[in-house]
Amino acid sequence: MHTIALLPLDDRPACARLPGQIAAVAGARTLVPPAALMPRLREPGDADGLGKWLEASAKSADAAVVSLETLGHGGLIASRTQATTVAQVAARWEVLRGIAAPVHGVTLVTRTPDSQDAMEEPEYWDPHGPGLHRLSAALHRAEERGEPDGLETARRAVPQEVRSDFARRRLRNHALNLTALELAAEGVFESLVVGADDTAPWAVATAELRQLGLWRTRLEAGGRVAVRPGADEATSTLVARTLLGLLDAGRVTVRIEAADASGLDQVAPYENVPVGRTAAGQVEACGAALQDDDADLVLLVHTPDGDGDWATGPLSKRHAAAEGTAQALAERAAAYVREGRAVAVADCAQPNGADPFLAAALLRTGTAHLLTAYAGWNTAGNTLGTVVAHAVTAVAARRAGRFDERAHLDLLAHRFVEDHGYMTRLRAEVRAGLGSVPGRHDHVPEDHPVRARLAAGLGAYAARLPGFQARVDPGSVHLPWHRTFEVDFDVRTAAHRPVEEPTA
């Protein structure tokens, strides 16, 4: 069994659990740190202890996948909120030089969300988050186009001490991203992903990402470094890239399609490049290659439609062609499956949940359980990275004779239950019952009776999935960060044995 030492961005399921689910498709496993060392929401993890854990665990692993924010700051949120210095973080990264196994790393460009919610940001985000978001866009326009109009107004809307702290934190994190590129150029990393979390076409983060892309070119590190939107899925893409090397099954090729090819030119919410470029970047990050003819995998992208955002509540209105576009994509997927092709579906139509038209069509045509991968959660980058990582791992594992059918079906069912059953359907009902404020994270105590409502709703959805014979373990359902934004649970298809993620 191949083993990967995984140091995730934090303890959320998308970061800590999903990579292990993808590894299991290839009969591999991930080692994750003990919970006592890991960050917990705004509480940083033990960065020095995590470095020691990584050093020890990597000795018995075939490779390591490392979040540099966790290794250096104690977690992703800590990298936004703590006063750690460049020198302190760089010193903690020195442990990477002593790891003999191949190291795959991820570092992130700091986001500037358009929200007053300070749960994952510095405390001054409430109330100054929207003002900082506007300032970020105004700075980028002034620098890129020489358009100073609006810059002084944006500055005056935010107190000087807040602007100063905002800029200094960005400077520190940008310097650290450049340091990560230097380590990649030195050969410390087998591969490095530079991601951007929740950005926009006009934003300081977009400018920084482009600057990092220029340095990748100057360092001639294009084959080793991927620069693209996305964050929470990055460790999953690196696990896939690692497995492609360990399985030694040859190159995996991917063809990207959409029901309407022009949709690939659309920029999804929270991103700064067209979704087609995001898809290509995720293929690159996973170690696969784009190919138009006779590709091993067809990646069908349900492109952004602007109909709304599932995190803010149910969509009250859909555009006229929405159902037809979804049906066309599902029928194309079914046709490819009948031809014996490996087909993956990335639902990027709306952020923070799956398009119910597409999910229903895939289930209605009997295609869902025959897919090589599926997802429709959070940002387009999150969705595409998850789908590509799962799919290329499955293709390589089949080729190498290491494919675990039950682990694959478990993961496929999990995505339908979470992305469609929870994010699109159940979450809005639960938030309405709790009286949650739209656009803000809520807080749900551990013993709140809503947990029973979640278990019942998720279980009922899973039981209705055709082709999976899926069951949600009601005792496994919980809200890992005591909020409704994400949920965690165990799904088993048919008579599947439980698989536990080991710690070391």
Protein backbone atom coordinates (compact mmCIF):
# COMPACT_ATOMS: atom_id res chain seq x y z
CA MET A 1 0.00 0.00 0.00
CA HIS A 2 1.39 3.39 -1.01
CA THR A 3 1.50 5.87 1.87
CA ILE A 4 1.48 9.67 1.69
CA ALA A 5 2.23 11.90 4.69
CA LEU A 6 -0.38 14.68 4.47
CA LEU A 7 -0.11 18.02 6.26
CA PRO A 8 -3.44 19.68 5.30
CA LEU A 9 -4.46 23.35 5.35
CA ASP A 10 -6.64 22.66 8.39
CA ASP A 11 -8.97 20.01 9.79
CA ARG A 12 -12.00 20.65 7.55
CA PRO A 13 -13.11 17.54 5.62
CA ALA A 14 -12.33 19.15 2.24
CA CYS A 15 -8.72 19.62 3.32
CA ALA A 16 -7.97 16.70 5.64
CA ARG A 17 -10.38 13.95 4.58
CA LEU A 18 -10.95 14.35 0.83
CA PRO A 19 -7.28 13.68 -0.08
CA GLY A 20 -7.48 10.38 1.79
CA GLN A 21 -10.69 9.44 -0.02
CA ILE A 22 -8.95 10.06 -3.34
CA ALA A 23 -5.89 8.06 -2.27
CA ALA A 24 -8.15 5.14 -1.31
CA VAL A 25 -9.39 4.92 -4.91
CA ALA A 26 -5.86 3.77 -5.78
CA GLY A 27 -5.57 1.48 -2.77
CA ALA A 28 -3.32 4.03 -1.03
CA ARG A 29 -3.57 5.82 2.29
CA THR A 30 -2.73 9.18 3.82
CA LEU A 31 -1.12 9.75 7.20
CA VAL A 32 -2.56 12.83 8.93
CA PRO A 33 -1.34 14.62 12.09
CA PRO A 34 -2.97 13.99 15.47
CA ALA A 35 -5.88 16.33 16.13
CA ALA A 36 -4.05 17.85 19.11
CA LEU A 37 -1.46 19.38 16.78
CA MET A 38 -3.89 20.69 14.16
CA PRO A 39 -5.51 24.13 13.99
CA ARG A 40 -9.11 24.51 15.07
CA LEU A 41 -10.84 27.38 13.27
CA ARG A 42 -9.14 30.57 14.60
CA GLU A 43 -6.91 28.68 17.01
CA PRO A 44 -3.54 27.98 15.31
CA GLY A 45 -2.05 24.54 15.35
CA ASP A 46 1.31 23.70 16.89
CA ALA A 47 3.48 24.68 13.92
CA ASP A 48 6.71 23.41 15.48
CA GLY A 49 5.03 20.18 16.57
CA LEU A 50 3.60 19.72 13.09
CA GLY A 51 7.08 20.13 11.64
CA LYS A 52 8.39 17.38 13.89
CA TRP A 53 5.42 15.17 13.00
CA LEU A 54 6.07 15.70 9.29
CA GLU A 55 9.76 14.93 9.64
CA ALA A 56 9.01 11.67 11.48
CA SER A 57 6.05 10.57 9.33
CA ALA A 58 7.81 11.20 6.03
CA LYS A 59 10.41 8.57 6.94
CA SER A 60 7.80 5.82 6.54
CA ALA A 61 5.96 7.42 3.61
CA ASP A 62 6.46 7.21 -0.13
CA ALA A 63 5.89 10.97 -0.46
CA ALA A 64 4.69 14.02 1.47
CA VAL A 65 1.99 16.56 0.58
CA VAL A 66 2.43 19.73 2.61
CA SER A 67 0.43 22.92 3.18
CA LEU A 68 3.10 25.56 3.70
CA GLU A 69 0.64 27.78 5.60
CA THR A 70 0.11 25.00 8.16
CA LEU A 71 3.80 24.20 8.45
CA GLY A 72 4.79 27.84 8.75
CA HIS A 73 1.91 29.54 10.59
CA GLY A 74 -0.06 26.68 12.13
CA GLY A 75 -2.92 26.77 9.60
CA LEU A 76 -4.54 28.64 6.74
CA ILE A 77 -6.56 31.01 8.93
CA ALA A 78 -3.51 31.59 11.13
CA SER A 79 -1.66 32.81 8.02
CA ARG A 80 -4.31 35.56 7.72
CA THR A 81 -4.68 36.46 11.40
CA GLN A 82 -1.42 35.81 13.27
CA ALA A 83 1.64 38.07 13.57
CA THR A 84 4.19 35.47 12.47
CA THR A 85 7.22 36.93 10.65
CA VAL A 86 8.83 35.93 7.36
CA ALA A 87 11.91 34.78 9.27
CA GLN A 88 9.89 32.57 11.65
CA VAL A 89 7.95 30.92 8.84
CA ALA A 90 10.99 30.41 6.62
CA ALA A 91 12.83 28.80 9.54
CA ARG A 92 9.99 26.31 10.04
CA TRP A 93 10.09 25.46 6.33
CA GLU A 94 13.73 24.37 6.68
CA VAL A 95 12.51 20.96 7.87
CA LEU A 96 11.56 20.26 4.25
CA ARG A 97 15.21 20.11 3.20
CA GLY A 98 15.77 17.06 5.38
CA ILE A 99 12.91 14.95 3.99
CA ALA A 100 14.19 12.23 1.68
CA ALA A 101 10.79 11.35 0.18
CA PRO A 102 9.43 13.53 -2.65
CA VAL A 103 7.68 16.62 -1.25
CA HIS A 104 4.70 18.25 -2.96
CA GLY A 105 3.77 21.64 -1.51
CA VAL A 106 0.97 24.19 -1.71
CA THR A 107 1.09 27.87 -0.80
CA LEU A 108 -1.72 30.40 -1.17
CA VAL A 109 -2.20 34.02 -2.13
CA THR A 110 -4.13 35.78 0.65
CA ARG A 111 -7.76 36.52 -0.15
CA THR A 112 -9.82 39.72 0.31
CA PRO A 113 -13.46 38.55 0.62
CA ASP A 114 -16.32 41.00 0.08
CA SER A 115 -17.90 40.32 3.46
CA GLN A 116 -18.13 41.69 6.98
CA ASP A 117 -17.77 38.18 8.40
CA ALA A 118 -14.55 38.02 10.42
CA MET A 119 -14.72 34.32 11.35
CA GLU A 120 -11.78 33.46 9.06
CA GLU A 121 -10.19 36.93 8.78
CA PRO A 122 -8.55 39.57 10.99
CA GLU A 123 -11.06 41.00 13.46
CA TYR A 124 -11.27 44.33 11.66
CA TRP A 125 -13.01 42.56 8.76
CA ASP A 126 -16.15 43.37 10.68
CA PRO A 127 -17.00 46.04 9.55
CA HIS A 128 -14.19 46.88 7.08
CA GLY A 129 -14.17 43.75 4.86
CA PRO A 130 -16.26 45.25 2.01
CA GLY A 131 -14.19 48.45 2.12
CA LEU A 132 -10.95 46.45 1.88
CA HIS A 133 -12.41 44.47 -1.01
CA ARG A 134 -13.15 47.71 -2.87
CA LEU A 135 -9.72 49.10 -1.99
CA SER A 136 -8.08 45.93 -3.31
CA ALA A 137 -9.86 46.34 -6.66
CA ALA A 138 -9.05 50.06 -6.85
CA LEU A 139 -5.35 49.42 -6.16
CA HIS A 140 -5.18 46.79 -8.87
CA ARG A 141 -6.89 49.04 -11.43
CA ALA A 142 -4.60 51.95 -10.59
CA GLU A 143 -1.49 49.78 -10.89
CA GLU A 144 -2.55 47.81 -13.96
CA ARG A 145 -4.32 50.45 -16.02
CA GLY A 146 -3.14 53.69 -14.51
CA GLU A 147 -6.72 54.49 -13.47
CA PRO A 148 -6.51 56.30 -10.12
CA ASP A 149 -10.19 57.30 -10.16
CA GLY A 150 -11.80 55.93 -7.04
CA LEU A 151 -8.56 54.98 -5.28
CA GLU A 152 -8.54 57.88 -2.83
CA THR A 153 -12.24 57.39 -2.13
CA ALA A 154 -11.59 53.69 -1.42
CA ARG A 155 -8.71 54.58 0.88
CA ARG A 156 -10.72 57.13 2.86
CA ALA A 157 -13.43 54.52 3.49
CA VAL A 158 -11.01 52.38 5.55
CA PRO A 159 -9.09 53.64 8.61
CA GLN A 160 -5.37 54.15 8.03
CA GLU A 161 -4.33 51.65 10.71
CA VAL A 162 -6.50 48.97 9.08
CA ARG A 163 -5.07 49.75 5.62
CA SER A 164 -1.56 49.54 7.03
CA ASP A 165 -2.08 46.17 8.69
CA PHE A 166 -3.82 44.82 5.57
CA ALA A 167 -0.91 45.85 3.34
CA ARG A 168 1.79 44.55 5.71
CA ARG A 169 0.13 41.14 6.02
CA ARG A 170 -0.09 40.90 2.25
CA LEU A 171 3.55 41.92 1.87
CA ARG A 172 4.64 39.23 4.34
CA ASN A 173 2.62 36.51 2.65
CA HIS A 174 3.75 37.58 -0.83
CA ALA A 175 7.37 37.42 0.33
CA LEU A 176 6.72 33.92 1.63
CA ASN A 177 5.14 32.85 -1.66
CA LEU A 178 8.29 34.05 -3.44
CA THR A 179 10.34 32.07 -0.92
CA ALA A 180 8.31 28.97 -1.78
CA LEU A 181 9.10 29.53 -5.46
CA GLU A 182 12.78 29.77 -4.59
CA LEU A 183 12.59 26.43 -2.76
CA ALA A 184 10.90 24.90 -5.79
CA ALA A 185 13.66 26.24 -8.05
CA GLU A 186 16.25 24.71 -5.70
CA GLY A 187 14.57 21.32 -6.03
CA VAL A 188 13.21 21.10 -2.48
CA PHE A 189 9.75 20.40 -3.95
CA GLU A 190 8.92 17.72 -6.45
CA SER A 191 5.98 19.99 -7.32
CA LEU A 192 4.45 23.19 -5.95
CA VAL A 193 0.95 24.63 -6.33
CA VAL A 194 0.50 28.37 -5.86
CA GLY A 195 -3.22 28.91 -5.36
CA ALA A 196 -5.51 31.90 -4.91
CA ASP A 197 -8.51 31.62 -2.62
CA ASP A 198 -11.74 33.56 -3.32
CA THR A 199 -10.42 36.25 -5.63
CA ALA A 200 -11.82 38.39 -8.49
CA PRO A 201 -10.69 39.78 -11.84
CA TRP A 202 -9.76 43.08 -10.16
CA ALA A 203 -8.00 42.42 -6.85
CA VAL A 204 -4.57 42.72 -5.30
CA ALA A 205 -4.57 38.90 -5.07
CA THR A 206 -4.94 38.69 -8.85
CA ALA A 207 -2.00 41.05 -9.32
CA GLU A 208 0.12 39.01 -6.89
CA LEU A 209 -0.82 35.76 -8.60
CA ARG A 210 0.31 37.16 -11.94
CA GLN A 211 3.58 38.34 -10.43
CA LEU A 212 4.19 34.85 -9.06
CA GLY A 213 3.39 33.43 -12.48
CA LEU A 214 6.04 35.69 -14.00
CA TRP A 215 8.61 34.44 -11.49
CA ARG A 216 7.67 30.87 -12.35
CA THR A 217 8.56 31.67 -15.97
CA ARG A 218 11.79 33.48 -15.04
CA LEU A 219 12.86 30.52 -12.92
CA GLU A 220 11.94 28.12 -15.75
CA ALA A 221 9.90 26.15 -13.24
CA GLY A 222 6.79 25.59 -15.38
CA GLY A 223 7.04 21.81 -15.21
CA ARG A 224 7.26 21.84 -11.43
CA VAL A 225 5.10 24.79 -10.37
CA ALA A 226 1.36 25.35 -11.08
CA VAL A 227 -0.06 28.86 -10.52
CA ARG A 228 -3.89 28.93 -10.58
CA PRO A 229 -7.09 29.78 -8.68
CA GLY A 230 -8.15 27.40 -5.91
CA ALA A 231 -7.22 26.57 -2.33
CA ASP A 232 -9.11 23.95 -0.32
CA GLU A 233 -8.77 21.31 -3.06
CA ALA A 234 -5.01 21.83 -3.53
CA THR A 235 -3.85 18.98 -1.29
CA SER A 236 -6.21 16.65 -3.17
CA THR A 237 -4.68 17.64 -6.50
CA LEU A 238 -1.21 17.05 -5.10
CA VAL A 239 -2.21 13.64 -3.75
CA ALA A 240 -3.38 12.77 -7.27
CA ARG A 241 -0.12 14.06 -8.76
CA THR A 242 1.83 12.01 -6.21
CA LEU A 243 -0.16 8.86 -6.99
CA LEU A 244 0.39 9.25 -10.73
CA GLY A 245 4.10 9.05 -10.02
CA LEU A 246 3.87 6.19 -7.52
CA LEU A 247 1.59 4.08 -9.71
CA ASP A 248 3.95 4.51 -12.67
CA ALA A 249 1.02 3.94 -15.01
CA GLY A 250 2.04 6.40 -17.69
CA ARG A 251 0.65 9.77 -18.70
CA VAL A 252 -3.06 10.47 -18.18
CA THR A 253 -4.62 12.71 -20.83
CA VAL A 254 -7.74 14.86 -20.46
CA ARG A 255 -10.12 16.49 -22.94
CA ILE A 256 -12.16 19.45 -21.62
CA GLU A 257 -15.68 19.97 -22.98
CA ALA A 258 -18.86 21.91 -22.18
CA ALA A 259 -22.43 21.78 -23.49
CA ASP A 260 -21.68 25.19 -25.02
CA ALA A 261 -17.95 25.68 -25.61
CA SER A 262 -18.29 29.45 -25.18
CA GLY A 263 -19.21 28.83 -21.55
CA LEU A 264 -15.58 27.92 -20.87
CA ASP A 265 -14.77 31.61 -21.40
CA GLN A 266 -16.98 32.64 -18.46
CA VAL A 267 -15.33 33.75 -15.23
CA ALA A 268 -16.92 32.05 -12.23
CA PRO A 269 -17.74 33.95 -9.01
CA TYR A 270 -14.80 34.22 -6.59
CA GLU A 271 -12.30 33.62 -9.42
CA ASN A 272 -10.20 35.76 -11.72
CA VAL A 273 -9.77 33.74 -14.94
CA PRO A 274 -12.17 31.93 -17.30
CA VAL A 275 -13.35 28.57 -16.04
CA GLY A 276 -11.69 26.83 -19.00
CA ARG A 277 -8.31 28.13 -17.83
CA THR A 278 -9.09 27.05 -14.28
CA ALA A 279 -9.85 23.55 -15.57
CA ALA A 280 -6.60 23.42 -17.54
CA GLY A 281 -4.68 24.61 -14.48
CA GLN A 282 -6.17 21.84 -12.33
CA VAL A 283 -5.25 19.23 -14.94
CA GLU A 284 -1.69 20.56 -14.83
CA ALA A 285 -1.63 20.61 -11.02
CA CYS A 286 -2.68 16.93 -10.93
CA GLY A 287 0.17 15.96 -13.24
CA ALA A 288 -2.10 15.07 -16.16
CA ALA A 289 -1.98 16.53 -19.70
CA LEU A 290 -4.50 18.13 -22.02
CA GLN A 291 -5.23 16.30 -25.28
CA ASP A 292 -8.07 16.83 -27.74
CA ASP A 293 -8.11 13.47 -29.55
CA ASP A 294 -8.38 10.04 -27.96
CA ALA A 295 -7.89 11.37 -24.42
CA ASP A 296 -8.05 8.94 -21.51
CA LEU A 297 -10.65 11.09 -19.76
CA VAL A 298 -13.41 13.45 -20.87
CA LEU A 299 -13.92 16.31 -18.41
CA LEU A 300 -17.40 17.82 -18.88
CA VAL A 301 -17.68 21.28 -17.32
CA HIS A 302 -21.11 22.67 -16.44
CA THR A 303 -20.10 26.30 -16.93
CA PRO A 304 -21.05 29.36 -14.81
CA ASP A 305 -24.55 30.70 -15.47
CA GLY A 306 -24.85 33.62 -13.04
CA ASP A 307 -28.08 32.37 -11.48
CA GLY A 308 -26.99 32.85 -7.88
CA ASP A 309 -25.03 31.40 -4.95
CA TRP A 310 -26.24 28.42 -2.90
CA ALA A 311 -24.49 29.67 0.26
CA THR A 312 -26.89 32.59 0.54
CA GLY A 313 -30.01 30.48 0.21
CA PRO A 314 -32.10 28.66 -2.39
CA LEU A 315 -32.10 30.13 -5.89
CA SER A 316 -35.47 31.79 -6.43
CA LYS A 317 -35.14 32.18 -10.18
CA ARG A 318 -33.36 30.33 -13.01
CA HIS A 319 -32.66 31.54 -16.52
CA ALA A 320 -34.79 30.11 -19.34
CA ALA A 321 -32.19 27.74 -20.82
CA ALA A 322 -30.89 26.37 -17.49
CA GLU A 323 -32.73 23.06 -17.47
CA GLY A 324 -32.05 22.37 -21.14
CA THR A 325 -28.32 23.05 -20.76
CA ALA A 326 -28.12 20.69 -17.80
CA GLN A 327 -30.04 17.98 -19.65
CA ALA A 328 -27.75 18.33 -22.68
CA LEU A 329 -24.65 17.90 -20.53
CA ALA A 330 -26.11 14.84 -18.78
CA GLU A 331 -27.03 13.28 -22.12
CA ARG A 332 -23.52 13.89 -23.42
CA ALA A 333 -22.10 12.23 -20.30
CA ALA A 334 -24.44 9.25 -20.78
CA ALA A 335 -23.43 8.89 -24.44
CA TYR A 336 -19.73 8.86 -23.58
CA VAL A 337 -20.32 6.31 -20.81
CA ARG A 338 -22.14 4.04 -23.26
CA GLU A 339 -19.09 4.28 -25.54
CA GLY A 340 -16.94 3.01 -22.67
CA ARG A 341 -15.21 6.35 -22.08
CA ALA A 342 -14.06 7.61 -18.67
CA VAL A 343 -16.24 10.66 -17.95
CA ALA A 344 -15.94 13.23 -15.17
CA VAL A 345 -18.48 16.00 -14.52
CA ALA A 346 -17.55 19.29 -12.85
CA ASP A 347 -20.62 21.32 -11.90
CA CYS A 348 -19.49 24.96 -11.87
CA ALA A 349 -22.86 26.49 -12.79
CA GLN A 350 -23.35 28.17 -9.41
CA PRO A 351 -20.94 28.48 -6.47
CA ASN A 352 -21.37 26.70 -3.14
CA GLY A 353 -23.57 23.88 -4.35
CA ALA A 354 -24.64 21.65 -7.21
CA ASP A 355 -27.10 22.63 -9.91
CA PRO A 356 -30.22 20.57 -9.09
CA PHE A 357 -31.12 20.43 -12.79
CA LEU A 358 -27.84 18.70 -13.63
CA ALA A 359 -27.81 16.39 -10.60
CA ALA A 360 -31.38 15.29 -11.35
CA ALA A 361 -30.56 14.70 -15.01
CA LEU A 362 -27.48 12.61 -14.19
CA LEU A 363 -29.49 10.52 -11.75
CA ARG A 364 -32.47 10.24 -14.10
CA THR A 365 -30.34 8.98 -17.01
CA GLY A 366 -28.71 6.34 -14.79
CA THR A 367 -25.29 7.90 -15.37
CA ALA A 368 -24.37 9.14 -11.88
CA HIS A 369 -22.89 5.92 -10.48
CA LEU A 370 -21.05 5.22 -13.75
CA LEU A 371 -19.07 8.46 -13.74
CA THR A 372 -15.34 8.52 -13.10
CA ALA A 373 -15.78 11.61 -10.91
CA TYR A 374 -18.32 14.28 -9.98
CA ALA A 375 -18.40 17.38 -7.77
CA GLY A 376 -20.24 20.69 -7.43
CA TRP A 377 -19.12 22.51 -4.27
CA ASN A 378 -17.82 25.94 -3.24
CA THR A 379 -15.78 27.67 -5.97
CA ALA A 380 -15.19 26.49 -9.52
CA GLY A 381 -11.56 25.87 -8.58
CA ASN A 382 -12.60 23.68 -5.65
CA THR A 383 -14.96 21.69 -7.84
CA LEU A 384 -12.59 21.27 -10.78
CA GLY A 385 -9.64 20.31 -8.58
CA THR A 386 -11.71 17.67 -6.80
CA VAL A 387 -13.10 16.20 -10.01
CA VAL A 388 -9.77 16.11 -11.85
CA ALA A 389 -7.92 14.65 -8.85
CA HIS A 390 -10.47 11.85 -8.38
CA ALA A 391 -10.73 11.12 -12.10
CA VAL A 392 -7.05 10.98 -13.03
CA THR A 393 -6.36 8.87 -9.94
CA ALA A 394 -9.09 6.43 -11.01
CA VAL A 395 -7.77 6.24 -14.58
CA ALA A 396 -4.20 5.62 -13.43
CA ALA A 397 -5.28 3.13 -10.76
CA ARG A 398 -7.29 1.09 -13.26
CA ARG A 399 -4.32 1.03 -15.61
CA ALA A 400 -2.00 -0.10 -12.81
CA GLY A 401 -4.38 -2.73 -11.45
CA ARG A 402 -4.76 -0.85 -8.14
CA PHE A 403 -8.31 0.47 -8.55
CA ASP A 404 -10.60 0.10 -5.51
CA GLU A 405 -14.16 0.08 -6.87
CA ARG A 406 -15.83 0.41 -3.50
CA ALA A 407 -13.67 3.35 -2.39
CA HIS A 408 -14.43 5.01 -5.72
CA LEU A 409 -18.19 4.55 -5.35
CA ASP A 410 -18.05 5.76 -1.76
CA LEU A 411 -16.38 8.98 -2.88
CA LEU A 412 -18.73 9.45 -5.83
CA ALA A 413 -21.77 8.96 -3.58
CA HIS A 414 -20.29 11.28 -0.96
CA ARG A 415 -20.06 14.10 -3.48
CA PHE A 416 -23.69 13.70 -4.61
CA VAL A 417 -24.92 13.55 -1.01
CA GLU A 418 -22.85 16.55 0.11
CA ASP A 419 -22.90 18.81 -2.94
CA HIS A 420 -26.50 18.24 -4.03
CA GLY A 421 -28.22 16.69 -1.02
CA TYR A 422 -26.72 19.05 1.56
CA MET A 423 -25.38 22.23 -0.03
CA THR A 424 -28.19 22.72 -2.54
CA ARG A 425 -31.12 21.30 -0.61
CA LEU A 426 -30.78 20.65 3.09
CA ARG A 427 -28.45 23.47 4.17
CA ALA A 428 -30.91 26.27 3.31
CA GLU A 429 -33.67 24.53 5.25
CA VAL A 430 -31.44 24.08 8.28
CA ARG A 431 -30.21 27.67 8.19
CA ALA A 432 -33.77 28.97 7.91
CA GLY A 433 -34.76 26.91 10.94
CA LEU A 434 -31.80 28.25 12.91
CA GLY A 435 -32.50 31.85 11.88
CA SER A 436 -29.02 32.18 10.37
CA VAL A 437 -28.13 35.55 8.84
CA PRO A 438 -27.60 35.36 5.04
CA GLY A 439 -23.99 36.03 4.07
CA ARG A 440 -22.61 35.26 7.53
CA HIS A 441 -21.41 32.09 9.19
CA ASP A 442 -23.55 30.84 12.05
CA HIS A 443 -22.67 28.92 15.21
CA VAL A 444 -24.24 25.57 16.11
CA PRO A 445 -23.39 24.06 19.53
CA GLU A 446 -22.18 20.47 19.58
CA ASP A 447 -25.33 19.11 21.25
CA HIS A 448 -27.83 21.08 19.13
CA PRO A 449 -30.81 18.97 17.95
CA VAL A 450 -30.18 20.07 14.35
CA ARG A 451 -27.68 17.23 14.12
CA ALA A 452 -30.54 14.70 14.12
CA ARG A 453 -32.25 16.69 11.34
CA LEU A 454 -29.03 16.58 9.31
CA ALA A 455 -28.58 12.84 9.81
CA ALA A 456 -32.17 12.14 8.75
CA GLY A 457 -31.99 14.40 5.70
CA LEU A 458 -28.64 13.13 4.46
CA GLY A 459 -29.66 9.52 5.06
CA ALA A 460 -32.90 9.94 3.14
CA TYR A 461 -31.10 11.51 0.18
CA ALA A 462 -28.45 8.79 0.07
CA ALA A 463 -31.05 6.04 0.16
CA ARG A 464 -32.71 7.47 -2.96
CA LEU A 465 -29.51 7.54 -5.06
CA PRO A 466 -30.00 5.01 -7.89
CA GLY A 467 -27.15 2.62 -8.57
CA PHE A 468 -25.15 3.27 -5.39
CA GLN A 469 -26.95 1.37 -2.62
CA ALA A 470 -25.65 4.16 -0.40
CA ARG A 471 -26.11 4.59 3.32
CA VAL A 472 -25.08 7.46 5.59
CA ASP A 473 -23.95 6.42 9.07
CA PRO A 474 -26.15 8.67 11.26
CA GLY A 475 -23.62 8.63 14.09
CA SER A 476 -20.95 10.07 11.82
CA VAL A 477 -22.85 13.26 10.92
CA HIS A 478 -21.42 16.40 12.47
CA LEU A 479 -20.54 20.04 11.80
CA PRO A 480 -16.74 20.10 12.17
CA TRP A 481 -16.45 23.87 12.67
CA HIS A 482 -19.79 24.18 14.52
CA ARG A 483 -21.34 26.01 11.59
CA THR A 484 -23.63 24.97 8.75
CA PHE A 485 -21.32 25.94 5.89
CA GLU A 486 -19.73 22.48 5.78
CA VAL A 487 -20.80 19.07 7.07
CA ASP A 488 -18.96 15.80 7.58
CA PHE A 489 -20.33 12.26 7.45
CA ASP A 490 -19.53 8.70 6.37
CA VAL A 491 -21.11 7.17 3.26
CA ARG A 492 -20.86 3.49 2.44
CA THR A 493 -22.03 1.96 -0.80
CA ALA A 494 -23.24 -1.65 -0.87
CA ALA A 495 -21.48 -3.84 1.74
CA HIS A 496 -18.40 -1.70 2.21
CA ARG A 497 -15.96 -2.09 5.03
CA PRO A 498 -15.17 1.11 7.02
CA VAL A 499 -11.87 2.77 6.17
CA GLU A 500 -10.16 4.87 8.82
CA GLU A 501 -7.56 7.54 8.18
CA PRO A 502 -4.47 6.61 10.18
CA THR A 503 -2.52 9.06 12.27
CA ALA A 504 1.14 8.91 13.04
